[in-house]
PDB file of N, CA and C in Angstrom:
ATOM      1  N   UNK A   1     150.604 118.895 109.680  1.00  0.00           N
ATOM      2  CA  UNK A   1     151.949 118.632 109.209  1.00  0.00           C
ATOM      3  C   UNK A   1     152.676 119.967 109.098  1.00  0.00           C
ATOM      4  N   UNK A   2     153.739 120.184 109.857  1.00  0.00           N
ATOM      5  CA  UNK A   2     154.477 121.439 109.858  1.00  0.00           C
ATOM      6  C   UNK A   2     155.600 121.452 108.851  1.00  0.00           C
ATOM      7  N   UNK A   3     156.137 122.629 108.525  1.00  0.00           N
ATOM      8  CA  UNK A   3     157.227 122.716 107.561  1.00  0.00           C
ATOM      9  C   UNK A   3     158.498 122.070 108.107  1.00  0.00           C
ATOM     10  N   UNK A   4     159.283 121.522 107.210  1.00  0.00           N
ATOM     11  CA  UNK A   4     160.534 120.855 107.532  1.00  0.00           C
ATOM     12  C   UNK A   4     161.715 121.742 107.123  1.00  0.00           C
ATOM     13  N   UNK A   5     162.898 121.408 107.646  1.00  0.00           N
ATOM     14  CA  UNK A   5     164.114 122.079 107.189  1.00  0.00           C
ATOM     15  C   UNK A   5     164.323 121.707 105.720  1.00  0.00           C
ATOM     16  N   UNK A   6     164.911 122.611 104.962  1.00  0.00           N
ATOM     17  CA  UNK A   6     165.099 122.374 103.531  1.00  0.00           C
ATOM     18  C   UNK A   6     166.403 121.625 103.302  1.00  0.00           C
ATOM     19  N   UNK A   7     166.322 120.374 102.828  1.00  0.00           N
ATOM     20  CA  UNK A   7     167.549 119.652 102.495  1.00  0.00           C
ATOM     21  C   UNK A   7     168.152 120.238 101.215  1.00  0.00           C
ATOM     22  N   UNK A   8     169.461 120.259 101.129  1.00  0.00           N
ATOM     23  CA  UNK A   8     170.117 120.804  99.939  1.00  0.00           C
ATOM     24  C   UNK A   8     170.351 119.677  98.937  1.00  0.00           C
ATOM     25  N   UNK A   9     169.544 119.664  97.881  1.00  0.00           N
ATOM     26  CA  UNK A   9     169.606 118.637  96.849  1.00  0.00           C
ATOM     27  C   UNK A   9     169.425 119.295  95.494  1.00  0.00           C
ATOM     28  N   UNK A  10     169.810 118.567  94.450  1.00  0.00           N
ATOM     29  CA  UNK A  10     169.562 119.064  93.101  1.00  0.00           C
ATOM     30  C   UNK A  10     168.091 118.948  92.736  1.00  0.00           C
ATOM     31  N   UNK A  11     167.478 117.822  93.107  1.00  0.00           N
ATOM     32  CA  UNK A  11     166.083 117.580  92.758  1.00  0.00           C
ATOM     33  C   UNK A  11     165.323 117.040  93.954  1.00  0.00           C
ATOM     34  N   UNK A  12     164.030 117.355  93.990  1.00  0.00           N
ATOM     35  CA  UNK A  12     163.131 116.911  95.051  1.00  0.00           C
ATOM     36  C   UNK A  12     161.927 116.240  94.401  1.00  0.00           C
ATOM     37  N   UNK A  13     161.413 115.209  95.033  1.00  0.00           N
ATOM     38  CA  UNK A  13     160.181 114.566  94.576  1.00  0.00           C
ATOM     39  C   UNK A  13     158.987 115.309  95.182  1.00  0.00           C
ATOM     40  N   UNK A  14     157.803 115.049  94.622  1.00  0.00           N
ATOM     41  CA  UNK A  14     156.579 115.715  95.071  1.00  0.00           C
ATOM     42  C   UNK A  14     156.394 115.584  96.579  1.00  0.00           C
ATOM     43  N   UNK A  15     156.546 114.388  97.102  1.00  0.00           N
ATOM     44  CA  UNK A  15     156.361 114.163  98.531  1.00  0.00           C
ATOM     45  C   UNK A  15     157.336 114.955  99.382  1.00  0.00           C
ATOM     46  N   UNK A  16     158.578 115.084  98.909  1.00  0.00           N
ATOM     47  CA  UNK A  16     159.569 115.864  99.646  1.00  0.00           C
ATOM     48  C   UNK A  16     159.210 117.343  99.655  1.00  0.00           C
ATOM     49  N   UNK A  17     158.760 117.848  98.516  1.00  0.00           N
ATOM     50  CA  UNK A  17     158.376 119.260  98.421  1.00  0.00           C
ATOM     51  C   UNK A  17     157.180 119.524  99.336  1.00  0.00           C
ATOM     52  N   UNK A  18     156.208 118.618  99.312  1.00  0.00           N
ATOM     53  CA  UNK A  18     155.034 118.775 100.170  1.00  0.00           C
ATOM     54  C   UNK A  18     155.444 118.748 101.641  1.00  0.00           C
ATOM     55  N   UNK A  19     156.361 117.862 102.001  1.00  0.00           N
ATOM     56  CA  UNK A  19     156.803 117.756 103.396  1.00  0.00           C
ATOM     57  C   UNK A  19     157.552 119.015 103.832  1.00  0.00           C
ATOM     58  N   UNK A  20     158.463 119.493 102.994  1.00  0.00           N
ATOM     59  CA  UNK A  20     159.219 120.698 103.331  1.00  0.00           C
ATOM     60  C   UNK A  20     158.281 121.889 103.484  1.00  0.00           C
ATOM     61  N   UNK A  21     157.311 121.993 102.582  1.00  0.00           N
ATOM     62  CA  UNK A  21     156.372 123.124 102.629  1.00  0.00           C
ATOM     63  C   UNK A  21     155.328 122.956 103.732  1.00  0.00           C
ATOM     64  N   UNK A  22     155.175 121.733 104.224  1.00  0.00           N
ATOM     65  CA  UNK A  22     154.180 121.513 105.266  1.00  0.00           C
ATOM     66  C   UNK A  22     152.758 121.511 104.740  1.00  0.00           C
ATOM     67  N   UNK A  23     152.591 121.010 103.518  1.00  0.00           N
ATOM     68  CA  UNK A  23     151.252 120.903 102.929  1.00  0.00           C
ATOM     69  C   UNK A  23     151.071 119.483 102.391  1.00  0.00           C
ATOM     70  N   UNK A  24     149.846 119.122 102.133  1.00  0.00           N
ATOM     71  CA  UNK A  24     149.567 117.805 101.556  1.00  0.00           C
ATOM     72  C   UNK A  24     149.856 117.838 100.057  1.00  0.00           C
ATOM     73  N   UNK A  25     150.126 116.653  99.492  1.00  0.00           N
ATOM     74  CA  UNK A  25     150.478 116.565  98.076  1.00  0.00           C
ATOM     75  C   UNK A  25     149.371 117.109  97.176  1.00  0.00           C
ATOM     76  N   UNK A  26     148.099 116.862  97.520  1.00  0.00           N
ATOM     77  CA  UNK A  26     147.010 117.356  96.668  1.00  0.00           C
ATOM     78  C   UNK A  26     146.950 118.886  96.678  1.00  0.00           C
ATOM     79  N   UNK A  27     147.358 119.513  97.775  1.00  0.00           N
ATOM     80  CA  UNK A  27     147.409 120.981  97.838  1.00  0.00           C
ATOM     81  C   UNK A  27     148.505 121.481  96.891  1.00  0.00           C
ATOM     82  N   UNK A  28     149.633 120.809  96.914  1.00  0.00           N
ATOM     83  CA  UNK A  28     150.739 121.183  96.024  1.00  0.00           C
ATOM     84  C   UNK A  28     150.318 121.045  94.562  1.00  0.00           C
ATOM     85  N   UNK A  29     149.610 119.978  94.231  1.00  0.00           N
ATOM     86  CA  UNK A  29     149.136 119.796  92.849  1.00  0.00           C
ATOM     87  C   UNK A  29     148.145 120.906  92.461  1.00  0.00           C
ATOM     88  N   UNK A  30     147.288 121.298  93.412  1.00  0.00           N
ATOM     89  CA  UNK A  30     146.351 122.397  93.151  1.00  0.00           C
ATOM     90  C   UNK A  30     147.117 123.681  92.876  1.00  0.00           C
ATOM     91  N   UNK A  31     148.134 123.959  93.691  1.00  0.00           N
ATOM     92  CA  UNK A  31     148.937 125.168  93.484  1.00  0.00           C
ATOM     93  C   UNK A  31     149.633 125.120  92.135  1.00  0.00           C
ATOM     94  N   UNK A  32     150.121 123.948  91.746  1.00  0.00           N
ATOM     95  CA  UNK A  32     150.765 123.822  90.429  1.00  0.00           C
ATOM     96  C   UNK A  32     149.792 124.231  89.323  1.00  0.00           C
ATOM     97  N   UNK A  33     148.565 123.776  89.430  1.00  0.00           N
ATOM     98  CA  UNK A  33     147.566 124.097  88.404  1.00  0.00           C
ATOM     99  C   UNK A  33     147.196 125.576  88.441  1.00  0.00           C
ATOM    100  N   UNK A  34     146.950 126.113  89.624  1.00  0.00           N
ATOM    101  CA  UNK A  34     146.533 127.505  89.760  1.00  0.00           C
ATOM    102  C   UNK A  34     147.628 128.487  89.368  1.00  0.00           C
ATOM    103  N   UNK A  35     148.867 128.176  89.700  1.00  0.00           N
ATOM    104  CA  UNK A  35     149.969 129.106  89.464  1.00  0.00           C
ATOM    105  C   UNK A  35     150.781 128.729  88.223  1.00  0.00           C
ATOM    106  N   UNK A  36     150.257 127.785  87.449  1.00  0.00           N
ATOM    107  CA  UNK A  36     150.817 127.404  86.151  1.00  0.00           C
ATOM    108  C   UNK A  36     152.309 127.095  86.209  1.00  0.00           C
ATOM    109  N   UNK A  37     152.665 126.181  87.102  1.00  0.00           N
ATOM    110  CA  UNK A  37     154.034 125.684  87.067  1.00  0.00           C
ATOM    111  C   UNK A  37     154.007 124.189  87.301  1.00  0.00           C
ATOM    112  N   UNK A  38     155.005 123.522  86.803  1.00  0.00           N
ATOM    113  CA  UNK A  38     155.126 122.073  86.944  1.00  0.00           C
ATOM    114  C   UNK A  38     156.544 121.752  87.387  1.00  0.00           C
ATOM    115  N   UNK A  39     156.716 120.529  87.809  1.00  0.00           N
ATOM    116  CA  UNK A  39     158.049 120.054  88.164  1.00  0.00           C
ATOM    117  C   UNK A  39     158.962 120.258  86.956  1.00  0.00           C
ATOM    118  N   UNK A  40     160.222 120.590  87.231  1.00  0.00           N
ATOM    119  CA  UNK A  40     161.157 120.920  86.156  1.00  0.00           C
ATOM    120  C   UNK A  40     161.614 119.724  85.336  1.00  0.00           C
ATOM    121  N   UNK A  41     161.546 118.543  85.898  1.00  0.00           N
ATOM    122  CA  UNK A  41     162.039 117.376  85.173  1.00  0.00           C
ATOM    123  C   UNK A  41     161.274 116.132  85.571  1.00  0.00           C
ATOM    124  N   UNK A  42     161.713 115.007  85.048  1.00  0.00           N
ATOM    125  CA  UNK A  42     161.108 113.707  85.357  1.00  0.00           C
ATOM    126  C   UNK A  42     162.233 112.721  85.651  1.00  0.00           C
ATOM    127  N   UNK A  43     161.951 111.772  86.557  1.00  0.00           N
ATOM    128  CA  UNK A  43     162.928 110.731  86.833  1.00  0.00           C
ATOM    129  C   UNK A  43     162.646 109.532  85.933  1.00  0.00           C
ATOM    130  N   UNK A  44     163.381 108.429  86.150  1.00  0.00           N
ATOM    131  CA  UNK A  44     163.223 107.252  85.298  1.00  0.00           C
ATOM    132  C   UNK A  44     161.821 106.644  85.408  1.00  0.00           C
ATOM    133  N   UNK A  45     161.145 106.869  86.504  1.00  0.00           N
ATOM    134  CA  UNK A  45     159.782 106.384  86.685  1.00  0.00           C
ATOM    135  C   UNK A  45     158.733 107.389  86.246  1.00  0.00           C
ATOM    136  N   UNK A  46     159.138 108.443  85.581  1.00  0.00           N
ATOM    137  CA  UNK A  46     158.261 109.508  85.074  1.00  0.00           C
ATOM    138  C   UNK A  46     157.612 110.323  86.194  1.00  0.00           C
ATOM    139  N   UNK A  47     158.218 110.287  87.399  1.00  0.00           N
ATOM    140  CA  UNK A  47     157.721 111.104  88.503  1.00  0.00           C
ATOM    141  C   UNK A  47     158.345 112.494  88.394  1.00  0.00           C
ATOM    142  N   UNK A  48     157.560 113.513  88.702  1.00  0.00           N
ATOM    143  CA  UNK A  48     158.047 114.883  88.613  1.00  0.00           C
ATOM    144  C   UNK A  48     159.192 115.157  89.574  1.00  0.00           C
ATOM    145  N   UNK A  49     160.176 115.885  89.102  1.00  0.00           N
ATOM    146  CA  UNK A  49     161.301 116.299  89.928  1.00  0.00           C
ATOM    147  C   UNK A  49     161.313 117.824  89.989  1.00  0.00           C
ATOM    148  N   UNK A  50     161.478 118.339  91.187  1.00  0.00           N
ATOM    149  CA  UNK A  50     161.451 119.770  91.431  1.00  0.00           C
ATOM    150  C   UNK A  50     162.864 120.256  91.737  1.00  0.00           C
ATOM    151  N   UNK A  51     163.184 121.435  91.254  1.00  0.00           N
ATOM    152  CA  UNK A  51     164.487 122.043  91.542  1.00  0.00           C
ATOM    153  C   UNK A  51     164.362 122.913  92.796  1.00  0.00           C
ATOM    154  N   UNK A  52     165.493 123.434  93.236  1.00  0.00           N
ATOM    155  CA  UNK A  52     165.505 124.362  94.373  1.00  0.00           C
ATOM    156  C   UNK A  52     164.627 125.580  94.053  1.00  0.00           C
ATOM    157  N   UNK A  53     164.696 126.043  92.800  1.00  0.00           N
ATOM    158  CA  UNK A  53     163.884 127.201  92.387  1.00  0.00           C
ATOM    159  C   UNK A  53     162.391 126.876  92.463  1.00  0.00           C
ATOM    160  N   UNK A  54     162.014 125.658  92.055  1.00  0.00           N
ATOM    161  CA  UNK A  54     160.615 125.229  92.164  1.00  0.00           C
ATOM    162  C   UNK A  54     160.179 125.222  93.627  1.00  0.00           C
ATOM    163  N   UNK A  55     161.042 124.685  94.485  1.00  0.00           N
ATOM    164  CA  UNK A  55     160.737 124.622  95.911  1.00  0.00           C
ATOM    165  C   UNK A  55     160.573 126.024  96.499  1.00  0.00           C
ATOM    166  N   UNK A  56     161.436 126.940  96.094  1.00  0.00           N
ATOM    167  CA  UNK A  56     161.330 128.320  96.570  1.00  0.00           C
ATOM    168  C   UNK A  56     160.009 128.945  96.122  1.00  0.00           C
ATOM    169  N   UNK A  57     159.562 128.620  94.899  1.00  0.00           N
ATOM    170  CA  UNK A  57     158.288 129.149  94.414  1.00  0.00           C
ATOM    171  C   UNK A  57     157.132 128.602  95.257  1.00  0.00           C
ATOM    172  N   UNK A  58     157.182 127.314  95.575  1.00  0.00           N
ATOM    173  CA  UNK A  58     156.151 126.708  96.425  1.00  0.00           C
ATOM    174  C   UNK A  58     156.113 127.408  97.773  1.00  0.00           C
ATOM    175  N   UNK A  59     157.283 127.651  98.360  1.00  0.00           N
ATOM    176  CA  UNK A  59     157.332 128.314  99.668  1.00  0.00           C
ATOM    177  C   UNK A  59     156.825 129.752  99.587  1.00  0.00           C
ATOM    178  N   UNK A  60     157.096 130.422  98.471  1.00  0.00           N
ATOM    179  CA  UNK A  60     156.590 131.791  98.286  1.00  0.00           C
ATOM    180  C   UNK A  60     155.063 131.778  98.167  1.00  0.00           C
ATOM    181  N   UNK A  61     154.528 130.800  97.441  1.00  0.00           N
ATOM    182  CA  UNK A  61     153.078 130.672  97.293  1.00  0.00           C
ATOM    183  C   UNK A  61     152.446 130.392  98.657  1.00  0.00           C
ATOM    184  N   UNK A  62     153.057 129.485  99.411  1.00  0.00           N
ATOM    185  CA  UNK A  62     152.522 129.173 100.734  1.00  0.00           C
ATOM    186  C   UNK A  62     152.522 130.415 101.622  1.00  0.00           C
ATOM    187  N   UNK A  63     153.604 131.180 101.573  1.00  0.00           N
ATOM    188  CA  UNK A  63     153.682 132.383 102.394  1.00  0.00           C
ATOM    189  C   UNK A  63     152.537 133.340 102.050  1.00  0.00           C
ATOM    190  N   UNK A  64     152.308 133.534 100.755  1.00  0.00           N
ATOM    191  CA  UNK A  64     151.250 134.445 100.330  1.00  0.00           C
ATOM    192  C   UNK A  64     149.855 133.938 100.703  1.00  0.00           C
ATOM    193  N   UNK A  65     149.610 132.647 100.466  1.00  0.00           N
ATOM    194  CA  UNK A  65     148.270 132.102 100.687  1.00  0.00           C
ATOM    195  C   UNK A  65     147.975 131.797 102.150  1.00  0.00           C
ATOM    196  N   UNK A  66     148.930 131.199 102.828  1.00  0.00           N
ATOM    197  CA  UNK A  66     148.669 130.714 104.188  1.00  0.00           C
ATOM    198  C   UNK A  66     149.049 131.749 105.236  1.00  0.00           C
ATOM    199  N   UNK A  67     150.270 132.247 105.165  1.00  0.00           N
ATOM    200  CA  UNK A  67     150.746 133.160 106.201  1.00  0.00           C
ATOM    201  C   UNK A  67     150.165 134.566 106.052  1.00  0.00           C
ATOM    202  N   UNK A  68     150.169 135.086 104.810  1.00  0.00           N
ATOM    203  CA  UNK A  68     149.661 136.442 104.585  1.00  0.00           C
ATOM    204  C   UNK A  68     148.180 136.460 104.218  1.00  0.00           C
ATOM    205  N   UNK A  69     147.599 135.282 104.013  1.00  0.00           N
ATOM    206  CA  UNK A  69     146.166 135.109 103.776  1.00  0.00           C
ATOM    207  C   UNK A  69     145.645 135.864 102.548  1.00  0.00           C
ATOM    208  N   UNK A  70     146.433 135.859 101.470  1.00  0.00           N
ATOM    209  CA  UNK A  70     145.984 136.442 100.200  1.00  0.00           C
ATOM    210  C   UNK A  70     145.058 135.467  99.503  1.00  0.00           C
ATOM    211  N   UNK A  71     144.207 135.982  98.649  1.00  0.00           N
ATOM    212  CA  UNK A  71     143.414 135.116  97.774  1.00  0.00           C
ATOM    213  C   UNK A  71     144.354 134.582  96.692  1.00  0.00           C
ATOM    214  N   UNK A  72     143.910 133.569  95.962  1.00  0.00           N
ATOM    215  CA  UNK A  72     144.729 133.031  94.870  1.00  0.00           C
ATOM    216  C   UNK A  72     144.998 134.129  93.841  1.00  0.00           C
ATOM    217  N   UNK A  73     143.976 134.896  93.484  1.00  0.00           N
ATOM    218  CA  UNK A  73     144.150 135.971  92.497  1.00  0.00           C
ATOM    219  C   UNK A  73     145.163 137.008  92.986  1.00  0.00           C
ATOM    220  N   UNK A  74     145.056 137.389  94.240  1.00  0.00           N
ATOM    221  CA  UNK A  74     145.981 138.373  94.803  1.00  0.00           C
ATOM    222  C   UNK A  74     147.407 137.821  94.851  1.00  0.00           C
ATOM    223  N   UNK A  75     147.540 136.547  95.210  1.00  0.00           N
ATOM    224  CA  UNK A  75     148.868 135.928  95.260  1.00  0.00           C
ATOM    225  C   UNK A  75     149.491 135.866  93.865  1.00  0.00           C
ATOM    226  N   UNK A  76     148.679 135.539  92.858  1.00  0.00           N
ATOM    227  CA  UNK A  76     149.181 135.509  91.474  1.00  0.00           C
ATOM    228  C   UNK A  76     149.702 136.892  91.075  1.00  0.00           C
ATOM    229  N   UNK A  77     148.931 137.916  91.404  1.00  0.00           N
ATOM    230  CA  UNK A  77     149.339 139.281  91.068  1.00  0.00           C
ATOM    231  C   UNK A  77     150.636 139.639  91.770  1.00  0.00           C
ATOM    232  N   UNK A  78     150.751 139.313  93.043  1.00  0.00           N
ATOM    233  CA  UNK A  78     151.984 139.620  93.791  1.00  0.00           C
ATOM    234  C   UNK A  78     153.187 138.918  93.170  1.00  0.00           C
ATOM    235  N   UNK A  79     153.019 137.661  92.769  1.00  0.00           N
ATOM    236  CA  UNK A  79     154.129 136.932  92.139  1.00  0.00           C
ATOM    237  C   UNK A  79     154.495 137.557  90.792  1.00  0.00           C
ATOM    238  N   UNK A  80     153.482 137.937  90.001  1.00  0.00           N
ATOM    239  CA  UNK A  80     153.763 138.591  88.711  1.00  0.00           C
ATOM    240  C   UNK A  80     154.494 139.909  88.918  1.00  0.00           C
ATOM    241  N   UNK A  81     154.048 140.689  89.894  1.00  0.00           N
ATOM    242  CA  UNK A  81     154.697 141.965  90.191  1.00  0.00           C
ATOM    243  C   UNK A  81     156.154 141.758  90.595  1.00  0.00           C
ATOM    244  N   UNK A  82     156.408 140.726  91.373  1.00  0.00           N
ATOM    245  CA  UNK A  82     157.779 140.430  91.809  1.00  0.00           C
ATOM    246  C   UNK A  82     158.657 140.043  90.622  1.00  0.00           C
ATOM    247  N   UNK A  83     158.103 139.266  89.690  1.00  0.00           N
ATOM    248  CA  UNK A  83     158.854 138.876  88.487  1.00  0.00           C
ATOM    249  C   UNK A  83     159.201 140.112  87.665  1.00  0.00           C
ATOM    250  N   UNK A  84     158.254 141.014  87.493  1.00  0.00           N
ATOM    251  CA  UNK A  84     158.502 142.252  86.741  1.00  0.00           C
ATOM    252  C   UNK A  84     159.565 143.087  87.443  1.00  0.00           C
ATOM    253  N   UNK A  85     159.463 143.190  88.761  1.00  0.00           N
ATOM    254  CA  UNK A  85     160.431 143.985  89.523  1.00  0.00           C
ATOM    255  C   UNK A  85     161.845 143.424  89.349  1.00  0.00           C
ATOM    256  N   UNK A  86     161.986 142.099  89.418  1.00  0.00           N
ATOM    257  CA  UNK A  86     163.306 141.478  89.244  1.00  0.00           C
ATOM    258  C   UNK A  86     163.798 141.686  87.816  1.00  0.00           C
ATOM    259  N   UNK A  87     162.895 141.512  86.854  1.00  0.00           N
ATOM    260  CA  UNK A  87     163.278 141.668  85.445  1.00  0.00           C
ATOM    261  C   UNK A  87     163.731 143.087  85.148  1.00  0.00           C
ATOM    262  N   UNK A  88     163.067 144.077  85.752  1.00  0.00           N
ATOM    263  CA  UNK A  88     163.375 145.472  85.483  1.00  0.00           C
ATOM    264  C   UNK A  88     164.510 146.023  86.344  1.00  0.00           C
ATOM    265  N   UNK A  89     165.008 145.225  87.271  1.00  0.00           N
ATOM    266  CA  UNK A  89     166.076 145.683  88.162  1.00  0.00           C
ATOM    267  C   UNK A  89     167.367 145.904  87.374  1.00  0.00           C
ATOM    268  N   UNK A  90     168.230 146.731  87.904  1.00  0.00           N
ATOM    269  CA  UNK A  90     169.534 146.995  87.301  1.00  0.00           C
ATOM    270  C   UNK A  90     170.318 145.681  87.240  1.00  0.00           C
ATOM    271  N   UNK A  91     170.731 145.253  86.050  1.00  0.00           N
ATOM    272  CA  UNK A  91     171.433 143.967  85.933  1.00  0.00           C
ATOM    273  C   UNK A  91     172.733 143.920  86.746  1.00  0.00           C
ATOM    274  N   UNK A  92     173.405 145.053  86.916  1.00  0.00           N
ATOM    275  CA  UNK A  92     174.639 145.058  87.719  1.00  0.00           C
ATOM    276  C   UNK A  92     174.326 144.761  89.167  1.00  0.00           C
ATOM    277  N   UNK A  93     173.237 145.320  89.665  1.00  0.00           N
ATOM    278  CA  UNK A  93     172.840 145.051  91.053  1.00  0.00           C
ATOM    279  C   UNK A  93     172.454 143.591  91.226  1.00  0.00           C
ATOM    280  N   UNK A  94     171.778 143.034  90.223  1.00  0.00           N
ATOM    281  CA  UNK A  94     171.402 141.622  90.292  1.00  0.00           C
ATOM    282  C   UNK A  94     172.653 140.743  90.293  1.00  0.00           C
ATOM    283  N   UNK A  95     173.634 141.079  89.472  1.00  0.00           N
ATOM    284  CA  UNK A  95     174.893 140.308  89.460  1.00  0.00           C
ATOM    285  C   UNK A  95     175.600 140.416  90.801  1.00  0.00           C
ATOM    286  N   UNK A  96     175.599 141.612  91.389  1.00  0.00           N
ATOM    287  CA  UNK A  96     176.216 141.783  92.712  1.00  0.00           C
ATOM    288  C   UNK A  96     175.496 140.939  93.755  1.00  0.00           C
ATOM    289  N   UNK A  97     174.168 140.946  93.696  1.00  0.00           N
ATOM    290  CA  UNK A  97     173.383 140.170  94.652  1.00  0.00           C
ATOM    291  C   UNK A  97     173.677 138.678  94.508  1.00  0.00           C
ATOM    292  N   UNK A  98     173.723 138.214  93.255  1.00  0.00           N
ATOM    293  CA  UNK A  98     174.018 136.803  93.015  1.00  0.00           C
ATOM    294  C   UNK A  98     175.423 136.442  93.481  1.00  0.00           C
ATOM    295  N   UNK A  99     176.389 137.325  93.240  1.00  0.00           N
ATOM    296  CA  UNK A  99     177.759 137.071  93.672  1.00  0.00           C
ATOM    297  C   UNK A  99     177.838 137.002  95.198  1.00  0.00           C
ATOM    298  N   UNK A 100     177.146 137.922  95.882  1.00  0.00           N
ATOM    299  CA  UNK A 100     177.120 137.872  97.350  1.00  0.00           C
ATOM    300  C   UNK A 100     176.506 136.567  97.836  1.00  0.00           C
ATOM    301  N   UNK A 101     175.459 136.117  97.158  1.00  0.00           N
ATOM    302  CA  UNK A 101     174.806 134.865  97.537  1.00  0.00           C
ATOM    303  C   UNK A 101     175.759 133.690  97.339  1.00  0.00           C
ATOM    304  N   UNK A 102     176.459 133.658  96.205  1.00  0.00           N
ATOM    305  CA  UNK A 102     177.413 132.580  95.939  1.00  0.00           C
ATOM    306  C   UNK A 102     178.534 132.588  96.974  1.00  0.00           C
ATOM    307  N   UNK A 103     179.062 133.768  97.288  1.00  0.00           N
ATOM    308  CA  UNK A 103     180.124 133.854  98.289  1.00  0.00           C
ATOM    309  C   UNK A 103     179.645 133.373  99.653  1.00  0.00           C
ATOM    310  N   UNK A 104     178.425 133.709 100.000  1.00  0.00           N
ATOM    311  CA  UNK A 104     177.855 133.257 101.265  1.00  0.00           C
ATOM    312  C   UNK A 104     177.736 131.736 101.286  1.00  0.00           C
ATOM    313  N   UNK A 105     177.250 131.167 100.182  1.00  0.00           N
ATOM    314  CA  UNK A 105     177.095 129.715 100.110  1.00  0.00           C
ATOM    315  C   UNK A 105     178.448 129.013 100.136  1.00  0.00           C
ATOM    316  N   UNK A 106     179.451 129.585  99.487  1.00  0.00           N
ATOM    317  CA  UNK A 106     180.799 129.014  99.539  1.00  0.00           C
ATOM    318  C   UNK A 106     181.308 129.042 100.972  1.00  0.00           C
ATOM    319  N   UNK A 107     181.070 130.147 101.672  1.00  0.00           N
ATOM    320  CA  UNK A 107     181.465 130.239 103.070  1.00  0.00           C
ATOM    321  C   UNK A 107     180.792 129.166 103.924  1.00  0.00           C
ATOM    322  N   UNK A 108     179.511 128.926 103.667  1.00  0.00           N
ATOM    323  CA  UNK A 108     178.792 127.879 104.387  1.00  0.00           C
ATOM    324  C   UNK A 108     179.390 126.512 104.083  1.00  0.00           C
ATOM    325  N   UNK A 109     179.732 126.277 102.822  1.00  0.00           N
ATOM    326  CA  UNK A 109     180.359 124.994 102.448  1.00  0.00           C
ATOM    327  C   UNK A 109     181.704 124.810 103.142  1.00  0.00           C
ATOM    328  N   UNK A 110     182.492 125.864 103.208  1.00  0.00           N
ATOM    329  CA  UNK A 110     183.791 125.796 103.897  1.00  0.00           C
ATOM    330  C   UNK A 110     183.575 125.443 105.370  1.00  0.00           C
ATOM    331  N   UNK A 111     182.582 126.065 105.991  1.00  0.00           N
ATOM    332  CA  UNK A 111     182.276 125.751 107.392  1.00  0.00           C
ATOM    333  C   UNK A 111     181.878 124.294 107.567  1.00  0.00           C
ATOM    334  N   UNK A 112     181.078 123.772 106.644  1.00  0.00           N
ATOM    335  CA  UNK A 112     180.656 122.371 106.721  1.00  0.00           C
ATOM    336  C   UNK A 112     181.864 121.453 106.560  1.00  0.00           C
ATOM    337  N   UNK A 113     182.735 121.775 105.603  1.00  0.00           N
ATOM    338  CA  UNK A 113     183.906 120.930 105.356  1.00  0.00           C
ATOM    339  C   UNK A 113     184.916 121.003 106.497  1.00  0.00           C
ATOM    340  N   UNK A 114     184.933 122.107 107.237  1.00  0.00           N
ATOM    341  CA  UNK A 114     185.857 122.252 108.357  1.00  0.00           C
ATOM    342  C   UNK A 114     185.395 121.547 109.618  1.00  0.00           C
ATOM    343  N   UNK A 115     184.132 121.092 109.645  1.00  0.00           N
ATOM    344  CA  UNK A 115     183.618 120.410 110.841  1.00  0.00           C
ATOM    345  C   UNK A 115     184.324 119.069 111.000  1.00  0.00           C
ATOM    346  N   UNK A 116     184.558 118.663 112.259  1.00  0.00           N
ATOM    347  CA  UNK A 116     185.218 117.355 112.484  1.00  0.00           C
ATOM    348  C   UNK A 116     184.325 116.205 112.126  1.00  0.00           C
TER     349      UNK A 116
END
């Protein structure tokens, strides 16, 4: 099962996250346990709902484990190091980066709305 294009949604179900990441649902559940994260919310049926940020974390984990072939311990360390690096970054630079990202996304939305 190969990775899928990422649909732009507020929330994703477990099966959607597994499909986008190109992994089986049981692998995703294992990663949740190993990397100590869970779906951000629950729907009316008590099924886990994942945010875009959750999906990005899954894709980062997959990149480390599958593509770069890190061990679970090494991948955990790399993710922790990245969190520290972001936390310690200059807040003005982070705001600039976020603003550039928002402007880019607005530009993409304008392009979508301009399509016939």
